[in-house]
Protein backbone atom coordinates (compact mmCIF):
# COMPACT_ATOMS: atom_id res chain seq x y z
CA MET A 1 -31.61 -14.50 -75.29
CA SER A 2 -32.36 -10.99 -76.57
CA ASP A 3 -35.00 -10.18 -79.15
CA VAL A 4 -32.34 -9.21 -81.69
CA ALA A 5 -30.43 -12.47 -81.24
CA LEU A 6 -33.62 -14.43 -81.94
CA LEU A 7 -34.25 -12.42 -85.10
CA ILE A 8 -30.79 -12.79 -86.66
CA PRO A 9 -31.26 -16.35 -88.04
CA VAL A 10 -34.67 -15.39 -89.42
CA GLY A 11 -33.09 -12.39 -91.14
CA LEU A 12 -30.43 -14.64 -92.68
CA LEU A 13 -33.09 -17.02 -93.99
CA ILE A 14 -35.14 -14.16 -95.44
CA GLY A 15 -32.06 -12.88 -97.25
CA VAL A 16 -31.15 -16.30 -98.64
CA LEU A 17 -34.64 -16.71 -100.09
CA LEU A 18 -34.70 -13.23 -101.61
CA GLY A 19 -31.26 -13.66 -103.13
CA SER A 20 -31.79 -17.15 -104.54
CA VAL A 21 -35.43 -17.28 -105.65
CA GLY A 22 -36.46 -13.61 -105.60
CA GLY A 23 -39.18 -13.70 -102.97
CA GLY A 24 -40.95 -15.48 -100.15
CA GLY A 25 -38.58 -14.50 -97.37
CA SER A 26 -40.58 -11.46 -96.33
CA LEU A 27 -43.54 -13.70 -95.47
CA LEU A 28 -41.74 -14.53 -92.22
CA ALA A 29 -40.58 -11.02 -91.39
CA VAL A 30 -43.85 -9.69 -89.94
CA PRO A 31 -44.60 -12.73 -87.70
CA ALA A 32 -40.96 -12.85 -86.59
CA LEU A 33 -40.98 -9.20 -85.52
CA ILE A 34 -44.28 -9.65 -83.66
CA TYR A 35 -43.61 -12.94 -81.85
CA LEU A 36 -39.80 -12.88 -81.53
CA GLY A 37 -39.21 -9.12 -81.53
CA ASN A 38 -42.23 -8.22 -79.36
CA GLN A 39 -43.36 -5.48 -81.74
CA SER A 40 -46.85 -4.25 -82.56
CA VAL A 41 -48.48 -5.35 -85.82
CA ARG A 42 -48.05 -1.90 -87.37
CA GLY A 43 -44.46 -1.60 -86.15
CA ALA A 44 -43.66 -5.08 -87.47
CA GLN A 45 -45.10 -4.25 -90.89
CA ALA A 46 -43.01 -1.08 -91.13
CA GLY A 47 -39.90 -2.91 -89.95
CA ALA A 48 -40.46 -5.74 -92.41
CA LEU A 49 -40.58 -3.23 -95.26
CA VAL A 50 -37.19 -1.85 -94.19
CA VAL A 51 -35.77 -5.37 -94.31
CA VAL A 52 -37.25 -5.99 -97.77
CA ILE A 53 -35.89 -2.71 -99.15
CA VAL A 54 -32.36 -3.30 -97.87
CA ALA A 55 -32.18 -6.97 -98.86
CA ALA A 56 -33.82 -6.55 -102.27
CA ALA A 57 -31.67 -3.54 -103.18
CA ILE A 58 -28.47 -5.41 -102.34
CA GLY A 59 -29.68 -8.59 -104.02
CA SER A 60 -30.50 -6.79 -107.25
CA VAL A 61 -26.89 -5.65 -107.76
CA SER A 62 -25.60 -9.00 -109.02
CA TYR A 63 -28.56 -9.34 -111.40
CA LEU A 64 -27.95 -5.81 -112.70
CA ARG A 65 -24.32 -6.65 -113.41
CA ARG A 66 -25.37 -9.70 -115.43
CA GLY A 67 -28.01 -7.73 -117.37
CA GLU A 68 -30.86 -9.83 -115.95
CA VAL A 69 -33.12 -6.97 -114.82
CA ARG A 70 -35.73 -5.94 -117.41
CA TRP A 71 -35.68 -2.24 -116.59
CA ARG A 72 -38.57 -0.92 -118.68
CA ALA A 73 -40.99 -3.67 -117.72
CA GLY A 74 -39.71 -3.60 -114.13
CA LEU A 75 -40.21 0.14 -113.75
CA ALA A 76 -43.72 -0.05 -115.24
CA PHE A 77 -44.51 -2.94 -112.90
CA GLY A 78 -43.03 -0.98 -110.01
CA ALA A 79 -45.05 2.15 -110.86
CA ALA A 80 -48.29 0.16 -110.82
CA THR A 81 -47.19 -1.49 -107.59
CA ALA A 82 -46.43 1.91 -106.03
CA VAL A 83 -49.91 3.28 -106.83
CA SER A 84 -51.81 0.37 -105.32
CA SER A 85 -49.29 0.05 -102.45
CA PHE A 86 -49.99 3.67 -101.48
CA ALA A 87 -53.76 3.13 -101.51
CA ALA A 88 -53.50 -0.16 -99.61
CA SER A 89 -51.20 1.37 -96.99
CA LEU A 90 -53.73 4.11 -96.29
CA LEU A 91 -56.44 1.46 -95.93
CA ALA A 92 -54.23 -0.61 -93.59
CA ARG A 93 -53.88 2.36 -91.23
CA ALA A 94 -57.67 2.40 -90.79
CA LEU A 95 -58.09 -1.35 -90.15
CA ASN A 96 -57.83 -3.32 -86.91
CA PRO A 97 -54.23 -4.63 -86.70
CA ASP A 98 -55.36 -8.06 -85.48
CA LEU A 99 -57.83 -8.26 -88.37
CA LEU A 100 -54.98 -7.51 -90.77
CA LEU A 101 -52.88 -10.21 -89.14
CA LEU A 102 -55.72 -12.73 -89.45
CA ALA A 103 -56.15 -11.84 -93.14
CA PHE A 104 -52.38 -12.19 -93.61
CA SER A 105 -52.46 -15.87 -92.57
CA PRO A 106 -54.15 -17.21 -95.74
CA VAL A 107 -51.91 -14.89 -97.79
CA MET A 108 -48.91 -16.66 -96.24
CA VAL A 109 -50.34 -20.05 -97.22
CA LEU A 110 -51.00 -18.88 -100.78
CA GLY A 111 -47.50 -17.44 -100.91
CA ALA A 112 -46.04 -20.77 -99.84
CA ALA A 113 -48.06 -22.50 -102.57
CA ALA A 114 -46.84 -19.99 -105.17
CA MET A 115 -43.23 -20.58 -104.15
CA VAL A 116 -43.41 -24.33 -104.80
CA SER A 117 -45.64 -24.17 -107.88
CA GLU A 118 -44.28 -25.44 -111.18
CA ARG A 119 -42.08 -22.78 -112.70
CA ALA A 120 -40.84 -22.88 -116.28
CA ARG A 121 -37.05 -22.81 -116.40
CA GLY A 122 -36.54 -22.63 -120.16
CA GLU A 123 -35.30 -19.82 -122.35
CA SER A 124 -36.98 -16.44 -122.08
CA SER A 125 -39.84 -15.78 -124.49
CA PHE A 126 -40.35 -12.24 -123.17
CA ARG A 127 -39.67 -9.57 -125.80
CA PRO A 128 -37.59 -6.82 -124.12
CA TRP A 129 -39.43 -3.52 -124.31
CA ARG A 130 -36.50 -1.76 -125.94
CA TYR A 131 -37.59 -3.62 -129.09
CA GLY A 132 -41.20 -2.49 -128.75
CA VAL A 133 -43.96 -2.81 -126.17
CA GLY A 134 -46.58 -5.46 -126.85
CA ALA A 135 -50.13 -4.66 -125.75
CA ARG A 136 -50.57 -8.03 -124.01
CA SER A 137 -47.36 -7.80 -122.01
CA ALA A 138 -48.04 -4.15 -121.09
CA VAL A 139 -51.52 -4.95 -119.73
CA GLY A 140 -50.17 -8.01 -117.92
CA VAL A 141 -47.37 -6.05 -116.27
CA VAL A 142 -49.69 -3.28 -115.05
CA LEU A 143 -52.39 -5.63 -113.71
CA LEU A 144 -49.85 -7.81 -111.91
CA GLY A 145 -48.25 -4.67 -110.49
CA PHE A 146 -51.54 -3.50 -109.04
CA ALA A 147 -52.10 -6.91 -107.41
CA VAL A 148 -48.63 -7.05 -105.86
CA GLY A 149 -48.99 -3.47 -104.59
CA TRP A 150 -52.06 -4.40 -102.57
CA LEU A 151 -50.14 -7.20 -100.86
CA THR A 152 -47.23 -4.86 -100.12
CA GLY A 153 -49.40 -2.03 -98.81
CA LEU A 154 -51.77 -4.09 -96.70
CA PHE A 155 -49.38 -6.61 -95.17
CA GLY A 156 -45.86 -5.17 -95.38
CA VAL A 157 -44.42 -7.85 -97.68
CA GLY A 158 -42.36 -7.42 -100.84
CA GLY A 159 -44.61 -9.60 -103.01
CA GLY A 160 -41.79 -11.45 -104.75
CA PHE A 161 -43.47 -14.79 -104.02
CA VAL A 162 -46.22 -13.67 -106.45
CA THR A 163 -44.09 -11.59 -108.81
CA VAL A 164 -41.57 -14.27 -109.76
CA PRO A 165 -43.97 -17.06 -110.83
CA ALA A 166 -46.23 -14.47 -112.50
CA LEU A 167 -43.38 -13.06 -114.59
CA VAL A 168 -42.23 -16.55 -115.56
CA LEU A 169 -45.56 -18.20 -116.26
CA SER A 170 -47.62 -15.24 -117.50
CA LEU A 171 -45.09 -13.07 -119.32
CA GLY A 172 -42.43 -15.54 -120.43
CA PHE A 173 -39.49 -14.24 -118.39
CA ALA A 174 -36.55 -16.56 -117.84
CA MET A 175 -36.21 -17.49 -114.17
CA THR A 176 -33.14 -15.31 -113.61
CA GLU A 177 -34.82 -12.36 -115.37
CA ALA A 178 -37.88 -12.78 -113.16
CA VAL A 179 -35.82 -12.89 -109.95
CA GLY A 180 -33.77 -9.81 -110.86
CA THR A 181 -36.80 -7.81 -111.99
CA SER A 182 -38.80 -8.91 -108.93
CA LEU A 183 -36.15 -7.46 -106.62
CA LEU A 184 -36.43 -4.09 -108.39
CA VAL A 185 -40.23 -4.16 -108.07
CA SER A 186 -40.02 -5.07 -104.37
CA VAL A 187 -37.80 -2.05 -103.65
CA ILE A 188 -40.17 0.39 -105.39
CA GLY A 189 -43.40 -0.85 -103.82
CA SER A 190 -41.90 -1.28 -100.36
CA ILE A 191 -40.47 2.26 -100.29
CA VAL A 192 -43.92 3.72 -100.97
CA ALA A 193 -45.61 1.53 -98.35
CA LEU A 194 -42.92 2.38 -95.78
CA LEU A 195 -43.24 6.14 -96.34
CA VAL A 196 -46.97 5.96 -95.61
CA ARG A 197 -46.33 3.96 -92.43
CA LEU A 198 -43.55 6.26 -91.22
CA HIS A 199 -46.03 9.12 -91.32
CA GLY A 200 -48.20 7.26 -88.81
CA GLY A 201 -45.49 5.97 -86.48
CA GLY A 202 -41.83 5.13 -86.10
CA VAL A 203 -39.65 2.10 -86.69
CA GLU A 204 -37.71 0.50 -83.82
CA TRP A 205 -34.34 0.96 -85.50
CA ALA A 206 -32.35 -0.71 -82.73
CA THR A 207 -34.11 -3.97 -83.60
CA ILE A 208 -34.66 -3.48 -87.32
CA LEU A 209 -31.12 -2.51 -88.35
CA PRO A 210 -29.45 -5.76 -87.12
CA PHE A 211 -32.37 -7.73 -88.59
CA ALA A 212 -31.93 -5.96 -91.95
CA ALA A 213 -28.14 -6.44 -91.81
CA ALA A 214 -28.62 -10.19 -91.33
CA ALA A 215 -31.00 -10.25 -94.30
CA ALA A 216 -28.46 -8.30 -96.39
CA PHE A 217 -25.75 -10.84 -95.58
CA GLY A 218 -28.16 -13.66 -96.37
CA VAL A 219 -29.10 -12.19 -99.76
CA LEU A 220 -25.44 -12.05 -100.82
CA PHE A 221 -25.07 -15.71 -99.95
CA GLY A 222 -28.40 -16.53 -101.58
CA SER A 223 -27.43 -14.86 -104.86
CA ARG A 224 -24.34 -17.07 -105.12
CA LEU A 225 -26.27 -20.12 -103.99
CA GLY A 226 -28.87 -19.59 -106.71
CA GLU A 227 -26.13 -19.54 -109.36
CA ARG A 228 -24.56 -22.83 -108.28
CA VAL A 229 -27.21 -25.23 -106.98
CA SER A 230 -30.89 -25.99 -107.33
CA THR A 231 -32.81 -24.21 -104.59
CA ASP A 232 -35.93 -26.39 -104.95
CA ALA A 233 -35.37 -28.31 -101.71
CA LEU A 234 -34.69 -25.12 -99.74
CA THR A 235 -37.84 -23.54 -101.16
CA ARG A 236 -40.00 -26.54 -100.24
CA TRP A 237 -38.74 -26.62 -96.64
CA PHE A 238 -39.20 -22.88 -96.33
CA ALA A 239 -42.75 -23.16 -97.68
CA LEU A 240 -43.57 -25.68 -94.95
CA LEU A 241 -42.18 -23.29 -92.33
CA VAL A 242 -44.32 -20.49 -93.75
CA VAL A 243 -47.47 -22.63 -93.56
CA ALA A 244 -46.74 -23.57 -89.93
CA THR A 245 -46.13 -19.90 -89.09
CA ALA A 246 -49.36 -18.95 -90.85
CA LEU A 247 -51.36 -21.39 -88.72
CA TYR A 248 -49.82 -20.01 -85.53
CA THR A 249 -50.30 -16.39 -86.65
CA GLY A 250 -53.93 -16.96 -87.60
CA THR A 251 -54.70 -18.69 -84.31
CA GLU A 252 -53.12 -15.89 -82.25
CA ALA A 253 -54.85 -13.15 -84.25
CA LEU A 254 -58.23 -14.86 -83.96
CA ALA A 255 -57.78 -15.26 -80.21
CA SER A 256 -56.97 -11.55 -79.89
CA LEU A 257 -60.05 -10.57 -81.88
CA LEU A 258 -62.29 -12.79 -79.79
């Protein structure tokens, strides 16, 4: 079976997670491209960012139509993410790729934990910024944006697995608002991180484009799935898969370093 054929189901799963719960899917993209797509760590990180950009951009459309993207807060969050993503991407270029992969393993485990953490599903208590910007929410948005940007820049992930629970639990977003806004943030931060990586090397488009197309199809399905059914069970099973992948990734990276 070809590398692309192995990646297609992973791309579909990534898209479903992005479309239904706003994040988490990209945690599998880098390991999948390395171990199934036979790509280098740096090439896999760049390719994963392409997948995140395509899938998140398509997934955000349905949320935009329903008015569930908080534009002002999302753009401020995205701007902070872009700044730290740029800095982290420059740092990533100077670090040992296997060291980055080893450091990514605990991030995957933390991401899995964030995905299954208790999330409030009540009415939104976030005051839209068109009615005035509160100092607490402004500081919270910027600080969270900086944190997500470091994850995006260093490891080539969208950061939605952190953004969604943070927006819900820290800033009072409704779940659908958090998912829609998270997709916008993922696009902004990932574009910056990808541009830095493209300067240092190319993307294997023959592999990445079908992978991204599968993710795009998955995100359309995931958006509809999230509207109709509870995605809690899917998220829990996916989190277990992420933890197992993290253990394998960490073991392989450690072996390469030693």
